[in-house]
Amino acid sequence: QVQLVESGGGLVQPGGSLRLSCAASGSIASLNFMGWYRQAPGKERDLVASIIAGSGTAYADSVKGRFTISRDNAKNTVYLQMNSLKPEDTDVYYCRATTVQRQTYWGQGTQVTVSS
């Protein structure tokens, strides 16, 4: 079992920055995929950014150049640095982790609101 706890969401003005954190605990040795998704009410959960062991990072076109995903293995934590935030970035952000055995885990979500 893997537990994921997200933090760092909140209210920010357009153009501002936030850093989301996803702390993993439990059987983390086999985690090879970690990613951030976001979801608006009534819509599907969309991939924002991902980091795969040995393969690097990937981003949705809408966030390229503004968001950066990184992983601190010593702290078992994945971060999403979000800069130049726009109102359309407002969503609930979820952390996802997948093991080499293809077991998938989700965090509880953290709200990000971009508004003046």
C-alpha atoms as a PDB file:
ATOM      1  CA  GLN A   1       0.000   0.000   0.000  1.00  0.00           C
ATOM      2  CA  VAL A   2       1.037   3.549  -0.742  1.00  0.00           C
ATOM      3  CA  GLN A   3      -0.392   6.655   0.864  1.00  0.00           C
ATOM      4  CA  LEU A   4      -0.219  10.030  -0.855  1.00  0.00           C
ATOM      5  CA  VAL A   5      -0.778  13.323   0.937  1.00  0.00           C
ATOM      6  CA  GLU A   6      -0.975  16.540  -1.058  1.00  0.00           C
ATOM      7  CA  SER A   7      -0.458  20.042   0.250  1.00  0.00           C
ATOM      8  CA  GLY A   8       0.240  23.543  -0.988  1.00  0.00           C
ATOM      9  CA  GLY A   9      -3.020  24.518  -2.655  1.00  0.00           C
ATOM     10  CA  GLY A  10      -4.758  27.791  -2.015  1.00  0.00           C
ATOM     11  CA  LEU A  11      -5.904  31.088  -3.447  1.00  0.00           C
ATOM     12  CA  VAL A  12      -3.522  33.090  -5.599  1.00  0.00           C
ATOM     13  CA  GLN A  13      -3.862  36.072  -7.911  1.00  0.00           C
ATOM     14  CA  PRO A  14      -3.353  35.720 -11.659  1.00  0.00           C
ATOM     15  CA  GLY A  15       0.343  35.758 -12.456  1.00  0.00           C
ATOM     16  CA  GLY A  16       1.235  34.350  -9.061  1.00  0.00           C
ATOM     17  CA  SER A  17       2.905  31.099  -8.053  1.00  0.00           C
ATOM     18  CA  LEU A  18       2.162  28.063  -5.913  1.00  0.00           C
ATOM     19  CA  ARG A  19       4.083  24.914  -5.140  1.00  0.00           C
ATOM     20  CA  LEU A  20       2.176  21.702  -4.579  1.00  0.00           C
ATOM     21  CA  SER A  21       3.720  18.820  -2.661  1.00  0.00           C
ATOM     22  CA  CYS A  22       2.817  15.135  -2.698  1.00  0.00           C
ATOM     23  CA  ALA A  23       4.381  13.094   0.078  1.00  0.00           C
ATOM     24  CA  ALA A  24       4.394   9.328  -0.414  1.00  0.00           C
ATOM     25  CA  SER A  25       4.608   6.756   2.348  1.00  0.00           C
ATOM     26  CA  GLY A  26       4.303   3.002   2.548  1.00  0.00           C
ATOM     27  CA  SER A  27       5.589   0.681  -0.148  1.00  0.00           C
ATOM     28  CA  ILE A  28       7.253   3.357  -2.228  1.00  0.00           C
ATOM     29  CA  ALA A  29      10.262   1.453  -3.517  1.00  0.00           C
ATOM     30  CA  SER A  30       8.427   0.296  -6.636  1.00  0.00           C
ATOM     31  CA  LEU A  31       6.944   3.642  -7.632  1.00  0.00           C
ATOM     32  CA  ASN A  32       8.019   4.386 -11.185  1.00  0.00           C
ATOM     33  CA  PHE A  33       5.347   6.893 -12.251  1.00  0.00           C
ATOM     34  CA  MET A  34       4.211   9.951 -10.370  1.00  0.00           C
ATOM     35  CA  GLY A  35       2.022  12.634 -11.792  1.00  0.00           C
ATOM     36  CA  TRP A  36      -0.222  15.573 -11.124  1.00  0.00           C
ATOM     37  CA  TYR A  37      -3.742  15.696 -12.498  1.00  0.00           C
ATOM     38  CA  ARG A  38      -6.462  18.283 -12.232  1.00  0.00           C
ATOM     39  CA  GLN A  39     -10.208  18.103 -12.359  1.00  0.00           C
ATOM     40  CA  ALA A  40     -13.005  20.637 -12.548  1.00  0.00           C
ATOM     41  CA  PRO A  41     -16.547  19.792 -11.370  1.00  0.00           C
ATOM     42  CA  GLY A  42     -18.332  17.607 -13.904  1.00  0.00           C
ATOM     43  CA  LYS A  43     -15.230  17.145 -16.037  1.00  0.00           C
ATOM     44  CA  GLU A  44     -12.662  14.405 -16.491  1.00  0.00           C
ATOM     45  CA  ARG A  45      -9.427  14.307 -14.548  1.00  0.00           C
ATOM     46  CA  ASP A  46      -6.646  15.477 -16.875  1.00  0.00           C
ATOM     47  CA  LEU A  47      -2.927  14.868 -16.693  1.00  0.00           C
ATOM     48  CA  VAL A  48      -0.953  18.034 -15.999  1.00  0.00           C
ATOM     49  CA  ALA A  49       2.590  16.759 -15.507  1.00  0.00           C
ATOM     50  CA  SER A  50       4.339  13.469 -14.933  1.00  0.00           C
ATOM     51  CA  ILE A  51       7.710  12.103 -14.000  1.00  0.00           C
ATOM     52  CA  ILE A  52       8.754   8.572 -14.831  1.00  0.00           C
ATOM     53  CA  ALA A  53      11.813   6.894 -13.398  1.00  0.00           C
ATOM     54  CA  GLY A  54      14.500   6.771 -16.058  1.00  0.00           C
ATOM     55  CA  SER A  55      12.370   8.549 -18.652  1.00  0.00           C
ATOM     56  CA  GLY A  56      12.092  12.143 -17.559  1.00  0.00           C
ATOM     57  CA  THR A  57       9.148  14.482 -17.421  1.00  0.00           C
ATOM     58  CA  ALA A  58       6.140  15.354 -19.544  1.00  0.00           C
ATOM     59  CA  TYR A  59       3.642  18.211 -19.491  1.00  0.00           C
ATOM     60  CA  ALA A  60       0.259  19.123 -20.869  1.00  0.00           C
ATOM     61  CA  ASP A  61       0.547  21.752 -23.600  1.00  0.00           C
ATOM     62  CA  SER A  62      -1.467  24.196 -21.515  1.00  0.00           C
ATOM     63  CA  VAL A  63       1.151  24.304 -18.752  1.00  0.00           C
ATOM     64  CA  LYS A  64       4.427  23.947 -20.658  1.00  0.00           C
ATOM     65  CA  GLY A  65       6.870  26.656 -19.715  1.00  0.00           C
ATOM     66  CA  ARG A  66       4.876  27.562 -16.590  1.00  0.00           C
ATOM     67  CA  PHE A  67       4.785  24.387 -14.464  1.00  0.00           C
ATOM     68  CA  THR A  68       7.678  22.203 -13.369  1.00  0.00           C
ATOM     69  CA  ILE A  69       7.410  18.739 -11.828  1.00  0.00           C
ATOM     70  CA  SER A  70      10.244  17.400  -9.716  1.00  0.00           C
ATOM     71  CA  ARG A  71      10.897  14.510  -7.359  1.00  0.00           C
ATOM     72  CA  ASP A  72      12.953  14.396  -4.171  1.00  0.00           C
ATOM     73  CA  ASN A  73      13.659  10.718  -3.577  1.00  0.00           C
ATOM     74  CA  ALA A  74      15.226  11.386  -0.176  1.00  0.00           C
ATOM     75  CA  LYS A  75      11.949  12.922   1.016  1.00  0.00           C
ATOM     76  CA  ASN A  76       9.676  10.627  -1.031  1.00  0.00           C
ATOM     77  CA  THR A  77       7.982  13.735  -2.320  1.00  0.00           C
ATOM     78  CA  VAL A  78       6.949  15.031  -5.707  1.00  0.00           C
ATOM     79  CA  TYR A  79       6.485  18.737  -6.289  1.00  0.00           C
ATOM     80  CA  LEU A  80       4.609  20.799  -8.845  1.00  0.00           C
ATOM     81  CA  GLN A  81       5.919  24.328  -9.121  1.00  0.00           C
ATOM     82  CA  MET A  82       3.269  26.460 -10.790  1.00  0.00           C
ATOM     83  CA  ASN A  83       4.223  29.892 -12.085  1.00  0.00           C
ATOM     84  CA  SER A  84       2.362  32.517 -14.106  1.00  0.00           C
ATOM     85  CA  LEU A  85      -0.916  31.081 -12.922  1.00  0.00           C
ATOM     86  CA  LYS A  86      -4.070  31.836 -14.872  1.00  0.00           C
ATOM     87  CA  PRO A  87      -7.740  31.707 -13.835  1.00  0.00           C
ATOM     88  CA  GLU A  88      -8.164  28.657 -16.065  1.00  0.00           C
ATOM     89  CA  ASP A  89      -5.688  26.787 -13.854  1.00  0.00           C
ATOM     90  CA  THR A  90      -8.337  26.773 -11.123  1.00  0.00           C
ATOM     91  CA  ASP A  91      -9.125  23.138 -10.297  1.00  0.00           C
ATOM     92  CA  VAL A  92      -8.683  20.432  -7.731  1.00  0.00           C
ATOM     93  CA  TYR A  93      -5.206  18.982  -8.192  1.00  0.00           C
ATOM     94  CA  TYR A  94      -4.555  15.303  -7.506  1.00  0.00           C
ATOM     95  CA  CYS A  95      -1.335  13.379  -7.102  1.00  0.00           C
ATOM     96  CA  ARG A  96      -1.117   9.916  -8.634  1.00  0.00           C
ATOM     97  CA  ALA A  97       1.503   7.217  -8.179  1.00  0.00           C
ATOM     98  CA  THR A  98       1.831   3.939 -10.061  1.00  0.00           C
ATOM     99  CA  THR A  99       4.080   1.017  -9.217  1.00  0.00           C
ATOM    100  CA  VAL A 100       5.994  -1.224 -11.580  1.00  0.00           C
ATOM    101  CA  GLN A 101       3.256  -3.783 -10.879  1.00  0.00           C
ATOM    102  CA  ARG A 102       0.807  -1.194 -12.264  1.00  0.00           C
ATOM    103  CA  GLN A 103      -0.976  -0.540  -8.997  1.00  0.00           C
ATOM    104  CA  THR A 104      -2.292   3.021  -8.932  1.00  0.00           C
ATOM    105  CA  TYR A 105      -2.818   5.262  -5.938  1.00  0.00           C
ATOM    106  CA  TRP A 106      -4.374   8.731  -5.641  1.00  0.00           C
ATOM    107  CA  GLY A 107      -4.122  11.490  -3.104  1.00  0.00           C
ATOM    108  CA  GLN A 108      -7.121  13.278  -1.663  1.00  0.00           C
ATOM    109  CA  GLY A 109      -6.763  16.386  -3.813  1.00  0.00           C
ATOM    110  CA  THR A 110      -5.917  19.997  -3.087  1.00  0.00           C
ATOM    111  CA  GLN A 111      -7.831  23.024  -4.333  1.00  0.00           C
ATOM    112  CA  VAL A 112      -6.056  25.649  -6.406  1.00  0.00           C
ATOM    113  CA  THR A 113      -7.967  28.855  -7.077  1.00  0.00           C
ATOM    114  CA  VAL A 114      -6.566  31.607  -9.285  1.00  0.00           C
ATOM    115  CA  SER A 115      -8.596  34.771  -8.921  1.00  0.00           C
ATOM    116  CA  SER A 116      -8.198  38.477  -8.337  1.00  0.00           C
END
